[in-house]
Every structure is written in structure tokens, then in C-alpha cells.
mmCIF file of all heavy atoms, coordinates in Angstrom:
data_MODEL
# 
_entry.id   MODEL 
# 
loop_
_atom_site.group_PDB 
_atom_site.id 
_atom_site.type_symbol 
_atom_site.label_atom_id 
_atom_site.label_alt_id 
_atom_site.label_comp_id 
_atom_site.label_asym_id 
_atom_site.label_entity_id 
_atom_site.label_seq_id 
_atom_site.pdbx_PDB_ins_code 
_atom_site.Cartn_x 
_atom_site.Cartn_y 
_atom_site.Cartn_z 
_atom_site.occupancy 
_atom_site.B_iso_or_equiv 
_atom_site.pdbx_formal_charge 
_atom_site.auth_seq_id 
_atom_site.auth_comp_id 
_atom_site.auth_asym_id 
_atom_site.auth_atom_id 
_atom_site.pdbx_PDB_model_num 
ATOM 1   N N   . THR A 1 1  ? 1.683   -3.156 -4.703 1.00 0.00 ? 1  THR A N   1 
ATOM 2   C CA  . THR A 1 1  ? 1.219   -4.400 -4.088 1.00 0.00 ? 1  THR A CA  1 
ATOM 3   C C   . THR A 1 1  ? 2.372   -5.276 -3.614 1.00 0.00 ? 1  THR A C   1 
ATOM 4   O O   . THR A 1 1  ? 2.193   -6.097 -2.716 1.00 0.00 ? 1  THR A O   1 
ATOM 5   C CB  . THR A 1 1  ? 0.354   -5.197 -5.082 1.00 0.00 ? 1  THR A CB  1 
ATOM 6   O OG1 . THR A 1 1  ? 1.067   -5.382 -6.306 1.00 0.00 ? 1  THR A OG1 1 
ATOM 7   C CG2 . THR A 1 1  ? -0.947  -4.467 -5.360 1.00 0.00 ? 1  THR A CG2 1 
ATOM 8   N N   . ASP A 1 2  ? 3.556   -5.140 -4.207 1.00 0.00 ? 2  ASP A N   1 
ATOM 9   C CA  . ASP A 1 2  ? 4.688   -5.962 -3.786 1.00 0.00 ? 2  ASP A CA  1 
ATOM 10  C C   . ASP A 1 2  ? 5.450   -5.353 -2.610 1.00 0.00 ? 2  ASP A C   1 
ATOM 11  O O   . ASP A 1 2  ? 6.377   -5.979 -2.088 1.00 0.00 ? 2  ASP A O   1 
ATOM 12  C CB  . ASP A 1 2  ? 5.639   -6.209 -4.955 1.00 0.00 ? 2  ASP A CB  1 
ATOM 13  C CG  . ASP A 1 2  ? 6.223   -4.918 -5.518 1.00 0.00 ? 2  ASP A CG  1 
ATOM 14  O OD1 . ASP A 1 2  ? 5.671   -3.831 -5.246 1.00 0.00 ? 2  ASP A OD1 1 
ATOM 15  O OD2 . ASP A 1 2  ? 7.239   -4.988 -6.237 1.00 0.00 ? 2  ASP A OD2 1 
ATOM 16  N N   . ARG A 1 3  ? 5.055   -4.148 -2.169 1.00 0.00 ? 3  ARG A N   1 
ATOM 17  C CA  . ARG A 1 3  ? 5.746   -3.480 -1.061 1.00 0.00 ? 3  ARG A CA  1 
ATOM 18  C C   . ARG A 1 3  ? 4.825   -3.114 0.094  1.00 0.00 ? 3  ARG A C   1 
ATOM 19  O O   . ARG A 1 3  ? 5.262   -3.089 1.254  1.00 0.00 ? 3  ARG A O   1 
ATOM 20  C CB  . ARG A 1 3  ? 6.411   -2.176 -1.562 1.00 0.00 ? 3  ARG A CB  1 
ATOM 21  C CG  . ARG A 1 3  ? 7.620   -2.374 -2.415 1.00 0.00 ? 3  ARG A CG  1 
ATOM 22  C CD  . ARG A 1 3  ? 8.079   -1.037 -3.005 1.00 0.00 ? 3  ARG A CD  1 
ATOM 23  N NE  . ARG A 1 3  ? 8.431   -0.061 -1.996 1.00 0.00 ? 3  ARG A NE  1 
ATOM 24  C CZ  . ARG A 1 3  ? 9.650   0.070  -1.463 1.00 0.00 ? 3  ARG A CZ  1 
ATOM 25  N NH1 . ARG A 1 3  ? 10.623  -0.749 -1.839 1.00 0.00 ? 3  ARG A NH1 1 
ATOM 26  N NH2 . ARG A 1 3  ? 9.897   1.002  -0.558 1.00 0.00 ? 3  ARG A NH2 1 
ATOM 27  N N   . HIS A 1 4  ? 3.567   -2.863 -0.214 1.00 0.00 ? 4  HIS A N   1 
ATOM 28  C CA  . HIS A 1 4  ? 2.680   -2.263 0.768  1.00 0.00 ? 4  HIS A CA  1 
ATOM 29  C C   . HIS A 1 4  ? 1.421   -3.103 0.965  1.00 0.00 ? 4  HIS A C   1 
ATOM 30  O O   . HIS A 1 4  ? 0.931   -3.724 0.026  1.00 0.00 ? 4  HIS A O   1 
ATOM 31  C CB  . HIS A 1 4  ? 2.287   -0.854 0.322  1.00 0.00 ? 4  HIS A CB  1 
ATOM 32  C CG  . HIS A 1 4  ? 3.454   -0.003 -0.062 1.00 0.00 ? 4  HIS A CG  1 
ATOM 33  N ND1 . HIS A 1 4  ? 3.543   0.651  -1.268 1.00 0.00 ? 4  HIS A ND1 1 
ATOM 34  C CD2 . HIS A 1 4  ? 4.608   0.271  0.601  1.00 0.00 ? 4  HIS A CD2 1 
ATOM 35  C CE1 . HIS A 1 4  ? 4.690   1.321  -1.325 1.00 0.00 ? 4  HIS A CE1 1 
ATOM 36  N NE2 . HIS A 1 4  ? 5.349   1.096  -0.211 1.00 0.00 ? 4  HIS A NE2 1 
ATOM 37  N N   . VAL A 1 5  ? 0.885   -3.055 2.164  1.00 0.00 ? 5  VAL A N   1 
ATOM 38  C CA  . VAL A 1 5  ? -0.326  -3.789 2.519  1.00 0.00 ? 5  VAL A CA  1 
ATOM 39  C C   . VAL A 1 5  ? -1.481  -2.804 2.659  1.00 0.00 ? 5  VAL A C   1 
ATOM 40  O O   . VAL A 1 5  ? -1.341  -1.761 3.308  1.00 0.00 ? 5  VAL A O   1 
ATOM 41  C CB  . VAL A 1 5  ? -0.127  -4.557 3.838  1.00 0.00 ? 5  VAL A CB  1 
ATOM 42  C CG1 . VAL A 1 5  ? -1.400  -5.305 4.211  1.00 0.00 ? 5  VAL A CG1 1 
ATOM 43  C CG2 . VAL A 1 5  ? 1.030   -5.531 3.724  1.00 0.00 ? 5  VAL A CG2 1 
ATOM 44  N N   . ARG A 1 6  ? -2.617  -3.113 2.034  1.00 0.00 ? 6  ARG A N   1 
ATOM 45  C CA  . ARG A 1 6  ? -3.804  -2.272 2.145  1.00 0.00 ? 6  ARG A CA  1 
ATOM 46  C C   . ARG A 1 6  ? -5.038  -3.138 2.362  1.00 0.00 ? 6  ARG A C   1 
ATOM 47  O O   . ARG A 1 6  ? -5.133  -4.232 1.815  1.00 0.00 ? 6  ARG A O   1 
ATOM 48  C CB  . ARG A 1 6  ? -3.990  -1.435 0.868  1.00 0.00 ? 6  ARG A CB  1 
ATOM 49  C CG  . ARG A 1 6  ? -2.986  -0.316 0.706  1.00 0.00 ? 6  ARG A CG  1 
ATOM 50  C CD  . ARG A 1 6  ? -2.910  0.161  -0.727 1.00 0.00 ? 6  ARG A CD  1 
ATOM 51  N NE  . ARG A 1 6  ? -2.306  -0.841 -1.603 1.00 0.00 ? 6  ARG A NE  1 
ATOM 52  C CZ  . ARG A 1 6  ? -2.195  -0.703 -2.923 1.00 0.00 ? 6  ARG A CZ  1 
ATOM 53  N NH1 . ARG A 1 6  ? -2.671  0.383  -3.507 1.00 0.00 ? 6  ARG A NH1 1 
ATOM 54  N NH2 . ARG A 1 6  ? -1.624  -1.647 -3.637 1.00 0.00 ? 6  ARG A NH2 1 
ATOM 55  N N   . GLY A 1 7  ? -5.969  -2.618 3.137  1.00 0.00 ? 7  GLY A N   1 
ATOM 56  C CA  . GLY A 1 7  ? -7.196  -3.351 3.396  1.00 0.00 ? 7  GLY A CA  1 
ATOM 57  C C   . GLY A 1 7  ? -8.130  -2.541 4.266  1.00 0.00 ? 7  GLY A C   1 
ATOM 58  O O   . GLY A 1 7  ? -7.980  -1.326 4.402  1.00 0.00 ? 7  GLY A O   1 
ATOM 59  N N   . THR A 1 8  ? -9.111  -3.206 4.874  1.00 0.00 ? 8  THR A N   1 
ATOM 60  C CA  . THR A 1 8  ? -10.127 -2.509 5.652  1.00 0.00 ? 8  THR A CA  1 
ATOM 61  C C   . THR A 1 8  ? -10.359 -3.196 6.992  1.00 0.00 ? 8  THR A C   1 
ATOM 62  O O   . THR A 1 8  ? -10.190 -4.402 7.133  1.00 0.00 ? 8  THR A O   1 
ATOM 63  C CB  . THR A 1 8  ? -11.467 -2.461 4.897  1.00 0.00 ? 8  THR A CB  1 
ATOM 64  O OG1 . THR A 1 8  ? -11.899 -3.797 4.625  1.00 0.00 ? 8  THR A OG1 1 
ATOM 65  C CG2 . THR A 1 8  ? -11.335 -1.692 3.594  1.00 0.00 ? 8  THR A CG2 1 
ATOM 66  N N   . GLY A 1 9  ? -10.765 -2.403 7.971  1.00 0.00 ? 9  GLY A N   1 
ATOM 67  C CA  . GLY A 1 9  ? -11.137 -2.890 9.290  1.00 0.00 ? 9  GLY A CA  1 
ATOM 68  C C   . GLY A 1 9  ? -11.633 -1.724 10.122 1.00 0.00 ? 9  GLY A C   1 
ATOM 69  O O   . GLY A 1 9  ? -11.382 -0.557 9.794  1.00 0.00 ? 9  GLY A O   1 
ATOM 70  N N   . ASP A 1 10 ? -12.335 -2.004 11.191 1.00 0.00 ? 10 ASP A N   1 
ATOM 71  C CA  . ASP A 1 10 ? -12.876 -0.951 12.047 1.00 0.00 ? 10 ASP A CA  1 
ATOM 72  C C   . ASP A 1 10 ? -11.854 -0.630 13.138 1.00 0.00 ? 10 ASP A C   1 
ATOM 73  O O   . ASP A 1 10 ? -11.839 -1.240 14.208 1.00 0.00 ? 10 ASP A O   1 
ATOM 74  C CB  . ASP A 1 10 ? -14.201 -1.396 12.653 1.00 0.00 ? 10 ASP A CB  1 
ATOM 75  C CG  . ASP A 1 10 ? -14.906 -0.275 13.399 1.00 0.00 ? 10 ASP A CG  1 
ATOM 76  O OD1 . ASP A 1 10 ? -14.362 0.852  13.445 1.00 0.00 ? 10 ASP A OD1 1 
ATOM 77  O OD2 . ASP A 1 10 ? -15.994 -0.528 13.945 1.00 0.00 ? 10 ASP A OD2 1 
ATOM 78  N N   . VAL A 1 11 ? -11.010 0.348  12.872 1.00 0.00 ? 11 VAL A N   1 
ATOM 79  C CA  . VAL A 1 11 ? -9.927  0.675  13.796 1.00 0.00 ? 11 VAL A CA  1 
ATOM 80  C C   . VAL A 1 11 ? -10.402 1.556  14.943 1.00 0.00 ? 11 VAL A C   1 
ATOM 81  O O   . VAL A 1 11 ? -9.896  1.449  16.061 1.00 0.00 ? 11 VAL A O   1 
ATOM 82  C CB  . VAL A 1 11 ? -8.764  1.350  13.031 1.00 0.00 ? 11 VAL A CB  1 
ATOM 83  C CG1 . VAL A 1 11 ? -7.635  1.742  13.984 1.00 0.00 ? 11 VAL A CG1 1 
ATOM 84  C CG2 . VAL A 1 11 ? -8.230  0.411  11.957 1.00 0.00 ? 11 VAL A CG2 1 
ATOM 85  N N   . ASN A 1 12 ? -11.376 2.427  14.705 1.00 0.00 ? 12 ASN A N   1 
ATOM 86  C CA  . ASN A 1 12 ? -11.823 3.336  15.767 1.00 0.00 ? 12 ASN A CA  1 
ATOM 87  C C   . ASN A 1 12 ? -13.113 2.885  16.453 1.00 0.00 ? 12 ASN A C   1 
ATOM 88  O O   . ASN A 1 12 ? -13.639 3.585  17.323 1.00 0.00 ? 12 ASN A O   1 
ATOM 89  C CB  . ASN A 1 12 ? -11.990 4.761  15.229 1.00 0.00 ? 12 ASN A CB  1 
ATOM 90  C CG  . ASN A 1 12 ? -13.051 4.856  14.136 1.00 0.00 ? 12 ASN A CG  1 
ATOM 91  O OD1 . ASN A 1 12 ? -13.569 3.835  13.666 1.00 0.00 ? 12 ASN A OD1 1 
ATOM 92  N ND2 . ASN A 1 12 ? -13.370 6.068  13.728 1.00 0.00 ? 12 ASN A ND2 1 
ATOM 93  N N   . GLY A 1 13 ? -13.652 1.734  16.062 1.00 0.00 ? 13 GLY A N   1 
ATOM 94  C CA  . GLY A 1 13 ? -14.776 1.139  16.779 1.00 0.00 ? 13 GLY A CA  1 
ATOM 95  C C   . GLY A 1 13 ? -16.105 1.824  16.605 1.00 0.00 ? 13 GLY A C   1 
ATOM 96  O O   . GLY A 1 13 ? -16.995 1.673  17.452 1.00 0.00 ? 13 GLY A O   1 
ATOM 97  N N   . ASP A 1 14 ? -16.313 2.535  15.490 1.00 0.00 ? 14 ASP A N   1 
ATOM 98  C CA  . ASP A 1 14 ? -17.584 3.239  15.286 1.00 0.00 ? 14 ASP A CA  1 
ATOM 99  C C   . ASP A 1 14 ? -18.547 2.467  14.395 1.00 0.00 ? 14 ASP A C   1 
ATOM 100 O O   . ASP A 1 14 ? -19.600 2.994  14.022 1.00 0.00 ? 14 ASP A O   1 
ATOM 101 C CB  . ASP A 1 14 ? -17.330 4.627  14.698 1.00 0.00 ? 14 ASP A CB  1 
ATOM 102 C CG  . ASP A 1 14 ? -16.720 4.580  13.302 1.00 0.00 ? 14 ASP A CG  1 
ATOM 103 O OD1 . ASP A 1 14 ? -16.380 3.475  12.826 1.00 0.00 ? 14 ASP A OD1 1 
ATOM 104 O OD2 . ASP A 1 14 ? -16.570 5.657  12.687 1.00 0.00 ? 14 ASP A OD2 1 
ATOM 105 N N   . GLY A 1 15 ? -18.210 1.242  14.039 1.00 0.00 ? 15 GLY A N   1 
ATOM 106 C CA  . GLY A 1 15 ? -19.095 0.433  13.205 1.00 0.00 ? 15 GLY A CA  1 
ATOM 107 C C   . GLY A 1 15 ? -18.911 0.625  11.722 1.00 0.00 ? 15 GLY A C   1 
ATOM 108 O O   . GLY A 1 15 ? -19.616 -0.007 10.932 1.00 0.00 ? 15 GLY A O   1 
ATOM 109 N N   . HIS A 1 16 ? -17.983 1.475  11.321 1.00 0.00 ? 16 HIS A N   1 
ATOM 110 C CA  . HIS A 1 16 ? -17.682 1.713  9.913  1.00 0.00 ? 16 HIS A CA  1 
ATOM 111 C C   . HIS A 1 16 ? -16.308 1.137  9.582  1.00 0.00 ? 16 HIS A C   1 
ATOM 112 O O   . HIS A 1 16 ? -15.349 1.315  10.346 1.00 0.00 ? 16 HIS A O   1 
ATOM 113 C CB  . HIS A 1 16 ? -17.667 3.217  9.592  1.00 0.00 ? 16 HIS A CB  1 
ATOM 114 C CG  . HIS A 1 16 ? -18.957 3.905  9.892  1.00 0.00 ? 16 HIS A CG  1 
ATOM 115 N ND1 . HIS A 1 16 ? -19.986 3.988  8.993  1.00 0.00 ? 16 HIS A ND1 1 
ATOM 116 C CD2 . HIS A 1 16 ? -19.391 4.537  11.009 1.00 0.00 ? 16 HIS A CD2 1 
ATOM 117 C CE1 . HIS A 1 16 ? -20.996 4.646  9.526  1.00 0.00 ? 16 HIS A CE1 1 
ATOM 118 N NE2 . HIS A 1 16 ? -20.667 4.991  10.755 1.00 0.00 ? 16 HIS A NE2 1 
ATOM 119 N N   . ALA A 1 17 ? -16.214 0.452  8.454  1.00 0.00 ? 17 ALA A N   1 
ATOM 120 C CA  . ALA A 1 17 ? -14.914 -0.049 8.018  1.00 0.00 ? 17 ALA A CA  1 
ATOM 121 C C   . ALA A 1 17 ? -14.025 1.117  7.614  1.00 0.00 ? 17 ALA A C   1 
ATOM 122 O O   . ALA A 1 17 ? -14.449 2.015  6.879  1.00 0.00 ? 17 ALA A O   1 
ATOM 123 C CB  . ALA A 1 17 ? -15.073 -1.016 6.855  1.00 0.00 ? 17 ALA A CB  1 
ATOM 124 N N   . ASP A 1 18 ? -12.815 1.119  8.099  1.00 0.00 ? 18 ASP A N   1 
ATOM 125 C CA  . ASP A 1 18 ? -11.818 2.117  7.759  1.00 0.00 ? 18 ASP A CA  1 
ATOM 126 C C   . ASP A 1 18 ? -10.813 1.517  6.790  1.00 0.00 ? 18 ASP A C   1 
ATOM 127 O O   . ASP A 1 18 ? -10.680 0.296  6.687  1.00 0.00 ? 18 ASP A O   1 
ATOM 128 C CB  . ASP A 1 18 ? -11.091 2.592  9.026  1.00 0.00 ? 18 ASP A CB  1 
ATOM 129 C CG  . ASP A 1 18 ? -12.055 2.974  10.137 1.00 0.00 ? 18 ASP A CG  1 
ATOM 130 O OD1 . ASP A 1 18 ? -12.939 3.811  9.872  1.00 0.00 ? 18 ASP A OD1 1 
ATOM 131 O OD2 . ASP A 1 18 ? -11.929 2.431  11.250 1.00 0.00 ? 18 ASP A OD2 1 
ATOM 132 N N   . VAL A 1 19 ? -10.107 2.372  6.075  1.00 0.00 ? 19 VAL A N   1 
ATOM 133 C CA  . VAL A 1 19 ? -9.060  1.916  5.177  1.00 0.00 ? 19 VAL A CA  1 
ATOM 134 C C   . VAL A 1 19 ? -7.718  2.011  5.889  1.00 0.00 ? 19 VAL A C   1 
ATOM 135 O O   . VAL A 1 19 ? -7.381  3.059  6.468  1.00 0.00 ? 19 VAL A O   1 
ATOM 136 C CB  . VAL A 1 19 ? -9.033  2.735  3.874  1.00 0.00 ? 19 VAL A CB  1 
ATOM 137 C CG1 . VAL A 1 19 ? -7.780  2.421  3.061  1.00 0.00 ? 19 VAL A CG1 1 
ATOM 138 C CG2 . VAL A 1 19 ? -10.277 2.445  3.044  1.00 0.00 ? 19 VAL A CG2 1 
ATOM 139 N N   . VAL A 1 20 ? -6.970  0.929  5.870  1.00 0.00 ? 20 VAL A N   1 
ATOM 140 C CA  . VAL A 1 20 ? -5.656  0.858  6.501  1.00 0.00 ? 20 VAL A CA  1 
ATOM 141 C C   . VAL A 1 20 ? -4.624  0.548  5.431  1.00 0.00 ? 20 VAL A C   1 
ATOM 142 O O   . VAL A 1 20 ? -4.780  -0.399 4.661  1.00 0.00 ? 20 VAL A O   1 
ATOM 143 C CB  . VAL A 1 20 ? -5.611  -0.228 7.595  1.00 0.00 ? 20 VAL A CB  1 
ATOM 144 C CG1 . VAL A 1 20 ? -4.222  -0.310 8.216  1.00 0.00 ? 20 VAL A CG1 1 
ATOM 145 C CG2 . VAL A 1 20 ? -6.658  0.048  8.660  1.00 0.00 ? 20 VAL A CG2 1 
ATOM 146 N N   . GLY A 1 21 ? -3.589  1.344  5.388  1.00 0.00 ? 21 GLY A N   1 
ATOM 147 C CA  . GLY A 1 21 ? -2.495  1.102  4.468  1.00 0.00 ? 21 GLY A CA  1 
ATOM 148 C C   . GLY A 1 21 ? -1.180  1.100  5.210  1.00 0.00 ? 21 GLY A C   1 
ATOM 149 O O   . GLY A 1 21 ? -0.894  2.015  5.999  1.00 0.00 ? 21 GLY A O   1 
ATOM 150 N N   . ILE A 1 22 ? -0.393  0.068  5.012  1.00 0.00 ? 22 ILE A N   1 
ATOM 151 C CA  . ILE A 1 22 ? 0.926   0.000  5.636  1.00 0.00 ? 22 ILE A CA  1 
ATOM 152 C C   . ILE A 1 22 ? 1.949   0.234  4.532  1.00 0.00 ? 22 ILE A C   1 
ATOM 153 O O   . ILE A 1 22 ? 2.192   -0.632 3.694  1.00 0.00 ? 22 ILE A O   1 
ATOM 154 C CB  . ILE A 1 22 ? 1.147   -1.341 6.339  1.00 0.00 ? 22 ILE A CB  1 
ATOM 155 C CG1 . ILE A 1 22 ? 0.014   -1.589 7.344  1.00 0.00 ? 22 ILE A CG1 1 
ATOM 156 C CG2 . ILE A 1 22 ? 2.500   -1.357 7.041  1.00 0.00 ? 22 ILE A CG2 1 
ATOM 157 C CD1 . ILE A 1 22 ? 0.123   -2.902 8.094  1.00 0.00 ? 22 ILE A CD1 1 
ATOM 158 N N   . GLY A 1 23 ? 2.510   1.419  4.514  1.00 0.00 ? 23 GLY A N   1 
ATOM 159 C CA  . GLY A 1 23 ? 3.363   1.853  3.426  1.00 0.00 ? 23 GLY A CA  1 
ATOM 160 C C   . GLY A 1 23 ? 4.825   1.904  3.787  1.00 0.00 ? 23 GLY A C   1 
ATOM 161 O O   . GLY A 1 23 ? 5.305   1.145  4.635  1.00 0.00 ? 23 GLY A O   1 
ATOM 162 N N   . ASP A 1 24 ? 5.549   2.829  3.172  1.00 0.00 ? 24 ASP A N   1 
ATOM 163 C CA  . ASP A 1 24 ? 6.971   2.950  3.425  1.00 0.00 ? 24 ASP A CA  1 
ATOM 164 C C   . ASP A 1 24 ? 7.256   3.433  4.839  1.00 0.00 ? 24 ASP A C   1 
ATOM 165 O O   . ASP A 1 24 ? 8.114   2.899  5.536  1.00 0.00 ? 24 ASP A O   1 
ATOM 166 C CB  . ASP A 1 24 ? 7.608   3.917  2.419  1.00 0.00 ? 24 ASP A CB  1 
ATOM 167 C CG  . ASP A 1 24 ? 7.703   3.315  1.024  1.00 0.00 ? 24 ASP A CG  1 
ATOM 168 O OD1 . ASP A 1 24 ? 7.835   2.088  0.927  1.00 0.00 ? 24 ASP A OD1 1 
ATOM 169 O OD2 . ASP A 1 24 ? 7.632   4.073  0.048  1.00 0.00 ? 24 ASP A OD2 1 
# 
């Protein structure tokens, strides 16, 4: 949690929330 960002959003536009993680 102190290095990486994680959350949800509809990245591909299909109406389903996707999981997005910004890691190393």
C-alpha cells in the first residue's frame, strides 16, 4: 500500500468494473 496503487474502474467500456493496479 505504501508503493502501489490499486482500485477499480471500467477501462474497456463493457459496463463491468475492472481491477487496476499500478505497481513497480
